[in-house]
PDB file of N, CA and C in Angstrom:
ATOM      1  N   MET A   1      91.161  84.264 -86.423  1.00  0.00           N
ATOM      2  CA  MET A   1      89.821  84.789 -86.632  1.00  0.00           C
ATOM      3  C   MET A   1      89.722  85.423 -88.014  1.00  0.00           C
ATOM      4  N   GLU A   2      88.569  85.320 -88.574  1.00  0.00           N
ATOM      5  CA  GLU A   2      88.325  85.895 -89.888  1.00  0.00           C
ATOM      6  C   GLU A   2      87.097  86.811 -89.805  1.00  0.00           C
ATOM      7  N   ILE A   3      87.200  87.957 -90.440  1.00  0.00           N
ATOM      8  CA  ILE A   3      86.090  88.907 -90.479  1.00  0.00           C
ATOM      9  C   ILE A   3      85.341  88.713 -91.784  1.00  0.00           C
ATOM     10  N   ASP A   4      84.042  88.531 -91.697  1.00  0.00           N
ATOM     11  CA  ASP A   4      83.218  88.326 -92.886  1.00  0.00           C
ATOM     12  C   ASP A   4      82.826  89.689 -93.477  1.00  0.00           C
ATOM     13  N   VAL A   5      83.746  90.264 -94.221  1.00  0.00           N
ATOM     14  CA  VAL A   5      83.558  91.597 -94.797  1.00  0.00           C
ATOM     15  C   VAL A   5      82.401  91.596 -95.797  1.00  0.00           C
ATOM     16  N   LYS A   6      82.272  90.527 -96.564  1.00  0.00           N
ATOM     17  CA  LYS A   6      81.211  90.479 -97.574  1.00  0.00           C
ATOM     18  C   LYS A   6      79.823  90.497 -96.929  1.00  0.00           C
ATOM     19  N   ALA A   7      79.667  89.828 -95.797  1.00  0.00           N
ATOM     20  CA  ALA A   7      78.385  89.864 -95.083  1.00  0.00           C
ATOM     21  C   ALA A   7      78.120  91.275 -94.566  1.00  0.00           C
ATOM     22  N   TYR A   8      79.169  91.940 -94.070  1.00  0.00           N
ATOM     23  CA  TYR A   8      79.031  93.331 -93.617  1.00  0.00           C
ATOM     24  C   TYR A   8      78.583  94.226 -94.767  1.00  0.00           C
ATOM     25  N   LEU A   9      79.211  94.055 -95.923  1.00  0.00           N
ATOM     26  CA  LEU A   9      78.835  94.851 -97.090  1.00  0.00           C
ATOM     27  C   LEU A   9      77.375  94.594 -97.462  1.00  0.00           C
ATOM     28  N   ASP A  10      76.994  93.331 -97.531  1.00  0.00           N
ATOM     29  CA  ASP A  10      75.615  92.974 -97.885  1.00  0.00           C
ATOM     30  C   ASP A  10      74.615  93.564 -96.892  1.00  0.00           C
ATOM     31  N   ASP A  11      74.892  93.389 -95.610  1.00  0.00           N
ATOM     32  CA  ASP A  11      73.973  93.875 -94.583  1.00  0.00           C
ATOM     33  C   ASP A  11      73.809  95.394 -94.601  1.00  0.00           C
ATOM     34  N   ASN A  12      74.836  96.090 -95.074  1.00  0.00           N
ATOM     35  CA  ASN A  12      74.796  97.553 -95.106  1.00  0.00           C
ATOM     36  C   ASN A  12      74.560  98.103 -96.514  1.00  0.00           C
ATOM     37  N   HIS A  13      74.168  97.232 -97.424  1.00  0.00           N
ATOM     38  CA  HIS A  13      73.834  97.612 -98.805  1.00  0.00           C
ATOM     39  C   HIS A  13      74.977  98.390 -99.462  1.00  0.00           C
ATOM     40  N   LEU A  14      76.193  97.880 -99.267  1.00  0.00           N
ATOM     41  CA  LEU A  14      77.377  98.486 -99.851  1.00  0.00           C
ATOM     42  C   LEU A  14      77.969  97.555-100.905  1.00  0.00           C
ATOM     43  N   THR A  15      78.630  98.136-101.877  1.00  0.00           N
ATOM     44  CA  THR A  15      79.405  97.374-102.841  1.00  0.00           C
ATOM     45  C   THR A  15      80.871  97.746-102.672  1.00  0.00           C
ATOM     46  N   ILE A  16      81.731  96.883-103.154  1.00  0.00           N
ATOM     47  CA  ILE A  16      83.156  97.191-103.098  1.00  0.00           C
ATOM     48  C   ILE A  16      83.436  98.467-103.890  1.00  0.00           C
ATOM     49  N   TYR A  17      82.769  98.630-105.025  1.00  0.00           N
ATOM     50  CA  TYR A  17      82.948  99.836-105.840  1.00  0.00           C
ATOM     51  C   TYR A  17      82.579 101.087-105.045  1.00  0.00           C
ATOM     52  N   ARG A  18      81.445 101.052-104.366  1.00  0.00           N
ATOM     53  CA  ARG A  18      80.998 102.223-103.597  1.00  0.00           C
ATOM     54  C   ARG A  18      81.955 102.539-102.449  1.00  0.00           C
ATOM     55  N   VAL A  19      82.443 101.503-101.778  1.00  0.00           N
ATOM     56  CA  VAL A  19      83.406 101.711-100.691  1.00  0.00           C
ATOM     57  C   VAL A  19      84.679 102.351-101.232  1.00  0.00           C
ATOM     58  N   ALA A  20      85.198 101.800-102.314  1.00  0.00           N
ATOM     59  CA  ALA A  20      86.433 102.332-102.900  1.00  0.00           C
ATOM     60  C   ALA A  20      86.246 103.774-103.369  1.00  0.00           C
ATOM     61  N   LYS A  21      85.157 104.035-104.058  1.00  0.00           N
ATOM     62  CA  LYS A  21      84.901 105.368-104.603  1.00  0.00           C
ATOM     63  C   LYS A  21      84.735 106.408-103.493  1.00  0.00           C
ATOM     64  N   SER A  22      83.950 106.087-102.471  1.00  0.00           N
ATOM     65  CA  SER A  22      83.699 107.067-101.410  1.00  0.00           C
ATOM     66  C   SER A  22      84.949 107.348-100.583  1.00  0.00           C
ATOM     67  N   ALA A  23      85.840 106.356-100.485  1.00  0.00           N
ATOM     68  CA  ALA A  23      87.050 106.542 -99.684  1.00  0.00           C
ATOM     69  C   ALA A  23      88.230 107.043-100.503  1.00  0.00           C
ATOM     70  N   GLY A  24      88.092 107.050-101.833  1.00  0.00           N
ATOM     71  CA  GLY A  24      89.163 107.549-102.675  1.00  0.00           C
ATOM     72  C   GLY A  24      90.262 106.532-102.951  1.00  0.00           C
ATOM     73  N   TYR A  25      89.972 105.259-102.761  1.00  0.00           N
ATOM     74  CA  TYR A  25      90.927 104.200-103.070  1.00  0.00           C
ATOM     75  C   TYR A  25      90.557 103.575-104.407  1.00  0.00           C
ATOM     76  N   GLY A  26      91.511 102.939-105.031  1.00  0.00           N
ATOM     77  CA  GLY A  26      91.244 102.252-106.286  1.00  0.00           C
ATOM     78  C   GLY A  26      90.384 101.017-106.055  1.00  0.00           C
ATOM     79  N   TYR A  27      89.502 100.762-107.000  1.00  0.00           N
ATOM     80  CA  TYR A  27      88.609  99.605-106.889  1.00  0.00           C
ATOM     81  C   TYR A  27      89.397  98.307-106.767  1.00  0.00           C
ATOM     82  N   SER A  28      90.411  98.137-107.605  1.00  0.00           N
ATOM     83  CA  SER A  28      91.149  96.873-107.594  1.00  0.00           C
ATOM     84  C   SER A  28      91.882  96.667-106.270  1.00  0.00           C
ATOM     85  N   THR A  29      92.335  97.731-105.647  1.00  0.00           N
ATOM     86  CA  THR A  29      93.003  97.636-104.345  1.00  0.00           C
ATOM     87  C   THR A  29      92.044  97.109-103.287  1.00  0.00           C
ATOM     88  N   ILE A  30      90.873  97.716-103.209  1.00  0.00           N
ATOM     89  CA  ILE A  30      89.881  97.297-102.211  1.00  0.00           C
ATOM     90  C   ILE A  30      89.338  95.915-102.549  1.00  0.00           C
ATOM     91  N   HIS A  31      89.101  95.654-103.821  1.00  0.00           N
ATOM     92  CA  HIS A  31      88.579  94.347-104.241  1.00  0.00           C
ATOM     93  C   HIS A  31      89.537  93.229-103.843  1.00  0.00           C
ATOM     94  N   LYS A  32      90.822  93.401-104.126  1.00  0.00           N
ATOM     95  CA  LYS A  32      91.819  92.387-103.760  1.00  0.00           C
ATOM     96  C   LYS A  32      91.851  92.184-102.253  1.00  0.00           C
ATOM     97  N   SER A  33      91.799  93.263-101.516  1.00  0.00           N
ATOM     98  CA  SER A  33      91.887  93.184-100.072  1.00  0.00           C
ATOM     99  C   SER A  33      90.665  92.484 -99.471  1.00  0.00           C
ATOM    100  N   PHE A  34      89.478  92.814 -99.946  1.00  0.00           N
ATOM    101  CA  PHE A  34      88.260  92.216 -99.401  1.00  0.00           C
ATOM    102  C   PHE A  34      88.073  90.767 -99.841  1.00  0.00           C
ATOM    103  N   ASN A  35      88.741  90.358-100.913  1.00  0.00           N
ATOM    104  CA  ASN A  35      88.598  89.000-101.427  1.00  0.00           C
ATOM    105  C   ASN A  35      89.780  88.089-101.102  1.00  0.00           C
ATOM    106  N   LYS A  36      90.777  88.611-100.404  1.00  0.00           N
ATOM    107  CA  LYS A  36      91.927  87.775-100.069  1.00  0.00           C
ATOM    108  C   LYS A  36      91.569  86.794 -98.959  1.00  0.00           C
ATOM    109  N   THR A  37      92.295  85.703 -98.907  1.00  0.00           N
ATOM    110  CA  THR A  37      92.130  84.744 -97.829  1.00  0.00           C
ATOM    111  C   THR A  37      92.754  85.333 -96.579  1.00  0.00           C
ATOM    112  N   GLN A  38      91.976  85.407 -95.527  1.00  0.00           N
ATOM    113  CA  GLN A  38      92.458  85.997 -94.288  1.00  0.00           C
ATOM    114  C   GLN A  38      93.104  84.938 -93.406  1.00  0.00           C
ATOM    115  N   SER A  39      94.089  85.362 -92.655  1.00  0.00           N
ATOM    116  CA  SER A  39      94.707  84.519 -91.638  1.00  0.00           C
ATOM    117  C   SER A  39      94.861  85.376 -90.395  1.00  0.00           C
ATOM    118  N   ASP A  40      95.397  84.806 -89.343  1.00  0.00           N
ATOM    119  CA  ASP A  40      95.621  85.594 -88.132  1.00  0.00           C
ATOM    120  C   ASP A  40      96.575  86.751 -88.393  1.00  0.00           C
ATOM    121  N   ALA A  41      97.491  86.569 -89.344  1.00  0.00           N
ATOM    122  CA  ALA A  41      98.476  87.605 -89.643  1.00  0.00           C
ATOM    123  C   ALA A  41      97.954  88.635 -90.646  1.00  0.00           C
ATOM    124  N   THR A  42      96.966  88.266 -91.450  1.00  0.00           N
ATOM    125  CA  THR A  42      96.481  89.177 -92.479  1.00  0.00           C
ATOM    126  C   THR A  42      94.960  89.277 -92.441  1.00  0.00           C
ATOM    127  N   SER A  43      94.471  89.956 -91.455  1.00  0.00           N
ATOM    128  CA  SER A  43      93.031  90.196 -91.416  1.00  0.00           C
ATOM    129  C   SER A  43      92.762  91.557 -92.037  1.00  0.00           C
ATOM    130  N   LEU A  44      91.823  92.278 -91.538  1.00  0.00           N
ATOM    131  CA  LEU A  44      91.481  93.596 -92.060  1.00  0.00           C
ATOM    132  C   LEU A  44      92.591  94.592 -91.711  1.00  0.00           C
ATOM    133  N   ASN A  45      93.020  95.388 -92.679  1.00  0.00           N
ATOM    134  CA  ASN A  45      94.056  96.378 -92.383  1.00  0.00           C
ATOM    135  C   ASN A  45      93.422  97.759 -92.173  1.00  0.00           C
ATOM    136  N   LEU A  46      94.219  98.724 -91.786  1.00  0.00           N
ATOM    137  CA  LEU A  46      93.697 100.064 -91.487  1.00  0.00           C
ATOM    138  C   LEU A  46      93.109 100.751 -92.712  1.00  0.00           C
ATOM    139  N   ARG A  47      93.701 100.529 -93.885  1.00  0.00           N
ATOM    140  CA  ARG A  47      93.150 101.123 -95.102  1.00  0.00           C
ATOM    141  C   ARG A  47      91.734 100.616 -95.346  1.00  0.00           C
ATOM    142  N   ASP A  48      91.533  99.307 -95.184  1.00  0.00           N
ATOM    143  CA  ASP A  48      90.212  98.718 -95.390  1.00  0.00           C
ATOM    144  C   ASP A  48      89.211  99.268 -94.373  1.00  0.00           C
ATOM    145  N   LEU A  49      89.647  99.354 -93.139  1.00  0.00           N
ATOM    146  CA  LEU A  49      88.789  99.888 -92.085  1.00  0.00           C
ATOM    147  C   LEU A  49      88.444 101.347 -92.352  1.00  0.00           C
ATOM    148  N   ASP A  50      89.418 102.124 -92.801  1.00  0.00           N
ATOM    149  CA  ASP A  50      89.181 103.521 -93.156  1.00  0.00           C
ATOM    150  C   ASP A  50      88.180 103.624 -94.303  1.00  0.00           C
ATOM    151  N   ALA A  51      88.323 102.771 -95.304  1.00  0.00           N
ATOM    152  CA  ALA A  51      87.411 102.795 -96.451  1.00  0.00           C
ATOM    153  C   ALA A  51      85.987 102.467 -96.021  1.00  0.00           C
ATOM    154  N   LEU A  52      85.824 101.442 -95.184  1.00  0.00           N
ATOM    155  CA  LEU A  52      84.487 101.094 -94.695  1.00  0.00           C
ATOM    156  C   LEU A  52      83.885 102.220 -93.855  1.00  0.00           C
ATOM    157  N   ALA A  53      84.698 102.798 -92.980  1.00  0.00           N
ATOM    158  CA  ALA A  53      84.212 103.881 -92.122  1.00  0.00           C
ATOM    159  C   ALA A  53      83.791 105.097 -92.946  1.00  0.00           C
ATOM    160  N   THR A  54      84.568 105.428 -93.955  1.00  0.00           N
ATOM    161  CA  THR A  54      84.230 106.560 -94.817  1.00  0.00           C
ATOM    162  C   THR A  54      82.926 106.295 -95.549  1.00  0.00           C
ATOM    163  N   ALA A  55      82.776 105.095 -96.088  1.00  0.00           N
ATOM    164  CA  ALA A  55      81.552 104.746 -96.824  1.00  0.00           C
ATOM    165  C   ALA A  55      80.327 104.748 -95.907  1.00  0.00           C
ATOM    166  N   MET A  56      80.520 104.402 -94.642  1.00  0.00           N
ATOM    167  CA  MET A  56      79.411 104.341 -93.686  1.00  0.00           C
ATOM    168  C   MET A  56      79.204 105.670 -92.945  1.00  0.00           C
ATOM    169  N   HIS A  57      80.081 106.641 -93.178  1.00  0.00           N
ATOM    170  CA  HIS A  57      80.031 107.928 -92.473  1.00  0.00           C
ATOM    171  C   HIS A  57      80.108 107.709 -90.964  1.00  0.00           C
ATOM    172  N   GLN A  58      81.048 106.871 -90.577  1.00  0.00           N
ATOM    173  CA  GLN A  58      81.267 106.554 -89.170  1.00  0.00           C
ATOM    174  C   GLN A  58      82.752 106.674 -88.854  1.00  0.00           C
ATOM    175  N   ASN A  59      83.059 106.598 -87.572  1.00  0.00           N
ATOM    176  CA  ASN A  59      84.451 106.531 -87.156  1.00  0.00           C
ATOM    177  C   ASN A  59      84.946 105.108 -87.339  1.00  0.00           C
ATOM    178  N   MET A  60      86.252 104.973 -87.496  1.00  0.00           N
ATOM    179  CA  MET A  60      86.821 103.642 -87.693  1.00  0.00           C
ATOM    180  C   MET A  60      86.521 102.736 -86.499  1.00  0.00           C
ATOM    181  N   TRP A  61      86.573 103.259 -85.284  1.00  0.00           N
ATOM    182  CA  TRP A  61      86.320 102.421 -84.110  1.00  0.00           C
ATOM    183  C   TRP A  61      84.883 101.899 -84.090  1.00  0.00           C
ATOM    184  N   GLU A  62      83.946 102.665 -84.626  1.00  0.00           N
ATOM    185  CA  GLU A  62      82.551 102.207 -84.652  1.00  0.00           C
ATOM    186  C   GLU A  62      82.383 101.025 -85.611  1.00  0.00           C
ATOM    187  N   VAL A  63      83.032 101.117 -86.763  1.00  0.00           N
ATOM    188  CA  VAL A  63      82.967 100.023 -87.729  1.00  0.00           C
ATOM    189  C   VAL A  63      83.680  98.797 -87.168  1.00  0.00           C
ATOM    190  N   LEU A  64      84.840  98.996 -86.561  1.00  0.00           N
ATOM    191  CA  LEU A  64      85.583  97.889 -85.985  1.00  0.00           C
ATOM    192  C   LEU A  64      84.781  97.190 -84.893  1.00  0.00           C
ATOM    193  N   ARG A  65      84.132  97.963 -84.048  1.00  0.00           N
ATOM    194  CA  ARG A  65      83.300  97.373 -82.990  1.00  0.00           C
ATOM    195  C   ARG A  65      82.187  96.524 -83.586  1.00  0.00           C
ATOM    196  N   GLU A  66      81.537  97.024 -84.636  1.00  0.00           N
ATOM    197  CA  GLU A  66      80.466  96.261 -85.278  1.00  0.00           C
ATOM    198  C   GLU A  66      81.003  94.990 -85.930  1.00  0.00           C
ATOM    199  N   LEU A  67      82.139  95.098 -86.598  1.00  0.00           N
ATOM    200  CA  LEU A  67      82.747  93.925 -87.219  1.00  0.00           C
ATOM    201  C   LEU A  67      83.109  92.874 -86.171  1.00  0.00           C
ATOM    202  N   GLU A  68      83.690  93.308 -85.062  1.00  0.00           N
ATOM    203  CA  GLU A  68      84.076  92.378 -83.991  1.00  0.00           C
ATOM    204  C   GLU A  68      82.860  91.750 -83.322  1.00  0.00           C
ATOM    205  N   THR A  69      81.798  92.517 -83.202  1.00  0.00           N
ATOM    206  CA  THR A  69      80.594  92.035 -82.513  1.00  0.00           C
ATOM    207  C   THR A  69      79.778  91.091 -83.368  1.00  0.00           C
ATOM    208  N   HIS A  70      79.663  91.371 -84.662  1.00  0.00           N
ATOM    209  CA  HIS A  70      78.706  90.638 -85.495  1.00  0.00           C
ATOM    210  C   HIS A  70      79.304  89.850 -86.659  1.00  0.00           C
ATOM    211  N   TYR A  71      80.555  90.086 -87.018  1.00  0.00           N
ATOM    212  CA  TYR A  71      81.063  89.499 -88.269  1.00  0.00           C
ATOM    213  C   TYR A  71      82.330  88.665 -88.128  1.00  0.00           C
ATOM    214  N   LEU A  72      82.665  88.239 -86.923  1.00  0.00           N
ATOM    215  CA  LEU A  72      83.806  87.344 -86.753  1.00  0.00           C
ATOM    216  C   LEU A  72      83.366  85.910 -87.007  1.00  0.00           C
ATOM    217  N   LYS A  73      84.188  85.186 -87.756  1.00  0.00           N
ATOM    218  CA  LYS A  73      83.885  83.766 -88.024  1.00  0.00           C
ATOM    219  C   LYS A  73      84.657  82.904 -87.057  1.00  0.00           C
TER     220      LYS A  73
END
């Protein structure tokens, strides 16, 4: 399964820069992670989920639930 992170960002009017900045991670770290080819072994990691949750002012489980419900390919 693959999570369409870019669609999530677009739908929530977020940029990779804003996610990285609000969560305190480096832009290049988040950019590489969100743009990597996903496989069953390398989908979204906890750092990415934490960054999205921080940017959305939500808990990680809330973001994960939304990603699983609406953004799985």
